[in-house]
N, C-alpha and C. Protein backbone atom coordinates (compact mmCIF):
# COMPACT_ATOMS: atom_id res chain seq x y z
N MET A 1 72.07 46.47 140.92
CA MET A 1 72.10 47.63 139.86
C MET A 1 73.53 47.99 139.63
N ILE A 2 74.38 48.11 140.66
CA ILE A 2 75.85 48.89 140.32
C ILE A 2 76.37 47.85 139.88
N SER A 3 76.16 46.42 139.77
CA SER A 3 76.88 45.22 139.28
C SER A 3 76.53 45.55 137.65
N ASP A 4 75.44 45.84 137.45
CA ASP A 4 75.04 45.45 136.09
C ASP A 4 75.44 47.02 135.31
N LEU A 5 75.56 47.90 136.01
CA LEU A 5 76.31 49.01 135.60
C LEU A 5 77.91 49.00 135.34
N MET A 6 78.34 48.43 136.05
CA MET A 6 79.86 48.06 136.12
C MET A 6 80.08 47.12 134.81
N ILE A 7 79.43 46.16 134.61
CA ILE A 7 79.56 45.66 133.34
C ILE A 7 79.34 46.42 132.17
N ILE A 8 78.46 47.25 132.17
CA ILE A 8 78.30 48.05 130.84
C ILE A 8 79.19 49.02 130.79
N LEU A 9 79.77 49.75 131.92
CA LEU A 9 80.75 50.91 132.01
C LEU A 9 82.39 50.46 131.67
N PHE A 10 82.66 49.18 132.25
CA PHE A 10 83.91 48.94 132.37
C PHE A 10 84.16 47.87 131.23
N THR A 11 85.62 47.68 130.88
CA THR A 11 86.04 46.61 129.98
C THR A 11 86.41 45.29 131.02
N ASP A 12 86.37 44.37 130.56
CA ASP A 12 86.76 42.83 131.21
C ASP A 12 87.89 43.05 132.19
N ASP A 13 89.21 43.75 131.31
CA ASP A 13 90.42 44.05 132.00
C ASP A 13 90.20 45.02 133.01
N GLU A 14 89.50 46.12 132.93
CA GLU A 14 89.39 47.14 134.18
C GLU A 14 88.70 46.63 135.12
N LEU A 15 87.57 45.57 135.02
CA LEU A 15 87.19 44.65 136.24
C LEU A 15 88.25 43.97 137.01
N ARG A 16 88.67 43.10 136.04
CA ARG A 16 89.62 42.25 136.45
C ARG A 16 90.65 42.67 137.30
N ASN A 17 91.34 44.00 136.73
CA ASN A 17 92.57 44.60 137.60
C ASN A 17 92.27 45.98 138.02
N GLY A 18 91.19 46.41 138.36
CA GLY A 18 90.69 47.52 138.82
C GLY A 18 90.34 47.52 140.55
N SER A 19 90.44 48.69 140.83
CA SER A 19 89.99 49.02 142.37
C SER A 19 89.62 50.33 142.48
N VAL A 20 88.72 50.47 143.59
CA VAL A 20 88.05 51.76 143.64
C VAL A 20 89.18 52.94 144.05
N THR A 21 90.12 52.79 144.79
CA THR A 21 90.91 53.64 144.98
C THR A 21 92.26 53.55 144.42
N GLY A 22 92.86 52.64 144.16
CA GLY A 22 93.85 52.59 143.54
C GLY A 22 94.95 52.41 144.57
N LYS A 23 94.70 52.24 145.86
CA LYS A 23 95.55 52.25 147.02
C LYS A 23 95.82 50.76 147.39
N LYS A 24 97.02 50.57 148.46
CA LYS A 24 97.40 49.28 148.80
C LYS A 24 96.26 48.88 149.78
N SER A 25 95.65 47.57 149.51
CA SER A 25 94.84 47.19 150.49
C SER A 25 95.31 46.71 152.04
N ASN A 26 94.65 46.91 153.00
CA ASN A 26 95.11 46.40 154.36
C ASN A 26 95.03 44.87 154.18
N PHE A 27 94.12 44.32 153.54
CA PHE A 27 94.30 42.87 153.52
C PHE A 27 95.17 42.08 152.86
N ILE A 28 95.67 42.59 151.52
CA ILE A 28 96.83 42.08 150.86
C ILE A 28 97.95 43.22 150.77
N LYS A 29 98.73 43.04 151.59
CA LYS A 29 100.01 43.77 151.61
C LYS A 29 101.00 43.65 150.35
N SER A 30 101.55 42.48 149.98
CA SER A 30 102.10 42.40 149.04
C SER A 30 101.51 42.49 147.50
N GLY A 31 102.45 42.44 146.35
CA GLY A 31 101.68 42.57 145.33
C GLY A 31 101.73 43.87 144.78
N GLU A 32 101.36 43.73 143.15
CA GLU A 32 101.21 44.90 142.44
C GLU A 32 99.79 45.51 142.78
N LEU A 33 99.89 47.16 142.74
CA LEU A 33 98.51 47.58 143.08
C LEU A 33 97.83 47.50 141.92
N LYS A 34 96.66 47.61 142.42
CA LYS A 34 95.69 47.36 141.20
C LYS A 34 95.30 49.03 140.51
N LYS A 35 95.24 49.22 139.37
CA LYS A 35 94.72 50.50 138.91
C LYS A 35 93.23 50.91 139.35
N GLN A 36 93.11 52.07 139.64
CA GLN A 36 91.89 52.64 140.17
C GLN A 36 91.14 53.10 138.76
N LEU A 37 89.56 52.58 138.91
CA LEU A 37 88.67 52.51 138.21
C LEU A 37 88.76 54.16 137.78
N ASP A 38 88.08 54.32 136.49
CA ASP A 38 87.91 55.91 136.04
C ASP A 38 86.79 56.68 137.09
N VAL A 39 87.42 57.64 137.83
CA VAL A 39 86.48 58.11 138.81
C VAL A 39 85.47 58.99 138.31
N HIS A 40 85.08 59.05 137.20
CA HIS A 40 84.12 60.04 136.60
C HIS A 40 83.00 58.87 136.11
N LYS A 41 83.41 57.79 135.83
CA LYS A 41 82.43 56.74 135.81
C LYS A 41 81.99 56.13 137.12
N VAL A 42 82.66 55.98 138.01
CA VAL A 42 82.21 55.47 139.59
C VAL A 42 81.34 56.68 140.00
N LYS A 43 81.87 57.83 139.96
CA LYS A 43 80.81 59.09 140.36
C LYS A 43 79.46 59.05 139.59
N ALA A 44 79.38 58.64 138.33
CA ALA A 44 78.29 58.89 137.35
C ALA A 44 77.50 57.42 137.97
N MET A 45 78.11 56.31 138.39
CA MET A 45 77.15 55.31 138.62
C MET A 45 76.72 55.46 140.36
N LYS A 46 77.65 56.31 141.14
CA LYS A 46 76.91 56.73 142.34
C LYS A 46 75.90 57.55 142.27
N ASP A 47 76.01 58.78 141.39
CA ASP A 47 74.98 59.75 141.24
C ASP A 47 73.46 59.25 140.74
N PHE A 48 73.79 58.23 139.67
CA PHE A 48 72.48 57.45 139.03
C PHE A 48 71.87 56.66 140.35
N ALA A 49 72.37 55.99 140.81
CA ALA A 49 72.26 54.94 141.93
C ALA A 49 71.47 55.80 143.15
N GLN A 50 72.14 56.92 143.42
CA GLN A 50 71.43 57.82 144.39
C GLN A 50 70.12 59.01 143.98
N ASP A 51 70.37 58.81 142.74
CA ASP A 51 69.05 59.34 142.02
C ASP A 51 67.74 58.72 142.19
N ILE A 52 67.69 57.59 142.12
CA ILE A 52 67.02 56.25 142.15
C ILE A 52 66.65 55.94 143.57
N PHE A 53 67.83 55.65 144.34
CA PHE A 53 67.66 55.24 145.60
C PHE A 53 68.30 56.32 146.49
N ARG A 54 67.56 57.29 146.92
CA ARG A 54 67.90 58.28 147.90
C ARG A 54 68.62 57.72 149.04
N ASP A 55 68.32 56.68 149.66
CA ASP A 55 69.02 56.38 150.98
C ASP A 55 70.24 55.59 151.12
N VAL A 56 70.60 55.21 149.34
CA VAL A 56 71.95 54.82 149.51
C VAL A 56 73.15 55.51 149.48
N THR A 57 74.18 55.60 150.24
CA THR A 57 75.13 56.23 150.87
C THR A 57 76.09 55.66 149.75
N ASP A 58 77.54 56.36 149.99
CA ASP A 58 78.72 56.11 149.27
C ASP A 58 79.11 54.91 149.49
N GLU A 59 79.28 54.65 150.84
CA GLU A 59 79.83 53.47 151.48
C GLU A 59 79.02 52.17 151.04
N ILE A 60 77.83 52.28 150.76
CA ILE A 60 76.97 51.11 150.14
C ILE A 60 77.47 50.72 148.72
N ILE A 61 77.42 51.55 148.06
CA ILE A 61 77.93 51.76 146.94
C ILE A 61 79.19 51.14 146.60
N ASN A 62 80.23 51.70 147.42
CA ASN A 62 81.92 51.17 147.44
C ASN A 62 81.48 49.62 147.44
N LYS A 63 80.91 49.26 148.76
CA LYS A 63 80.80 47.79 149.07
C LYS A 63 80.55 47.02 147.80
N ALA A 64 79.19 47.30 147.10
CA ALA A 64 78.91 46.64 146.05
C ALA A 64 80.07 46.69 144.84
N ILE A 65 80.64 47.97 144.62
CA ILE A 65 81.76 47.84 143.55
C ILE A 65 82.77 46.78 144.13
N ILE A 66 83.22 46.87 145.25
CA ILE A 66 84.42 46.11 145.82
C ILE A 66 83.93 44.55 145.52
N THR A 67 82.76 44.12 145.83
CA THR A 67 82.06 43.03 145.75
C THR A 67 82.36 42.49 144.17
N LYS A 68 81.70 43.53 143.47
CA LYS A 68 82.09 42.90 142.07
C LYS A 68 83.30 42.81 141.51
N LEU A 69 84.11 43.68 141.85
CA LEU A 69 85.53 43.50 141.13
C LEU A 69 86.15 42.21 142.05
N ASN A 70 85.82 41.93 143.11
CA ASN A 70 86.28 40.88 143.71
C ASN A 70 86.01 39.32 143.08
N ASN A 71 84.48 39.43 142.66
CA ASN A 71 84.01 38.21 141.95
C ASN A 71 84.32 38.20 140.59
N PHE A 72 84.61 39.40 140.14
CA PHE A 72 84.82 39.23 138.53
C PHE A 72 86.60 38.64 138.43
N SER A 73 87.29 39.31 139.35
CA SER A 73 88.51 38.79 139.44
C SER A 73 89.01 37.42 139.79
N LYS A 74 88.11 36.83 140.28
CA LYS A 74 88.10 34.98 140.61
C LYS A 74 87.87 34.62 139.34
N LYS A 75 87.16 34.72 138.44
CA LYS A 75 86.77 33.99 137.17
C LYS A 75 87.50 34.06 136.23
N PRO A 76 87.74 32.61 135.81
CA PRO A 76 88.86 32.45 134.71
C PRO A 76 88.47 33.45 133.43
N LYS A 77 89.57 33.80 133.01
CA LYS A 77 89.46 34.85 131.55
C LYS A 77 88.33 34.07 130.64
N ALA A 78 88.48 33.12 130.40
CA ALA A 78 87.75 32.16 129.20
C ALA A 78 86.15 32.31 129.33
N LEU A 79 85.81 32.61 130.77
CA LEU A 79 84.47 32.55 131.12
C LEU A 79 83.79 33.77 131.05
N ASN A 80 84.66 34.84 131.20
CA ASN A 80 84.25 36.31 131.26
C ASN A 80 83.44 36.65 129.99
N PHE A 81 82.31 37.09 130.11
CA PHE A 81 81.42 37.81 128.92
C PHE A 81 80.66 38.68 129.24
N ASN A 82 80.81 39.93 128.90
CA ASN A 82 79.79 40.93 129.14
C ASN A 82 79.35 41.70 128.23
N ALA A 83 78.48 42.76 128.23
CA ALA A 83 77.86 43.45 127.23
C ALA A 83 79.20 44.15 126.41
N GLY A 84 80.21 44.87 127.35
CA GLY A 84 81.15 45.45 126.75
C GLY A 84 82.05 44.47 125.95
N SER A 85 82.17 43.60 126.07
CA SER A 85 82.98 42.40 125.24
C SER A 85 82.27 41.93 124.13
N ALA A 86 80.73 41.81 124.19
CA ALA A 86 80.14 41.82 122.73
C ALA A 86 80.30 42.69 121.82
N THR A 87 80.23 44.07 122.38
CA THR A 87 80.09 45.29 121.51
C THR A 87 81.64 45.18 120.63
N ARG A 88 82.67 45.02 121.69
CA ARG A 88 84.22 44.94 121.22
C ARG A 88 83.83 43.78 120.05
N LEU A 89 83.62 42.72 120.17
CA LEU A 89 83.68 41.56 119.51
C LEU A 89 83.12 41.92 118.04
N THR A 90 81.56 42.66 118.33
CA THR A 90 80.91 42.85 116.85
C THR A 90 81.45 44.05 116.15
N ASN A 91 82.36 44.73 116.85
CA ASN A 91 83.14 45.96 115.99
C ASN A 91 84.45 45.39 115.42
N THR A 92 84.90 44.15 115.70
CA THR A 92 86.02 43.76 115.16
C THR A 92 85.55 42.83 113.78
N ILE A 93 84.38 42.38 113.64
CA ILE A 93 84.22 41.19 112.72
C ILE A 93 83.73 42.26 111.63
């Protein structure tokens, strides 16, 4: 569910270049910092998920967000297509 919400709420660029905290990772010490995702959108996703699934913690949701960001950043740009992309495409035609 979190993955689906992220596709709706964030652009391809935000998913490809975003992070939960915007801070340096312990795993990757060098390189450019990724921009923090909009905290209001992330909070809205967490609140929505926790309203439906009472036992879901912030930690579980953060792991789902991180997994989606990692998977999305590995995809080639040409193959990325989500609902946000479709909306932007139809608005430009």
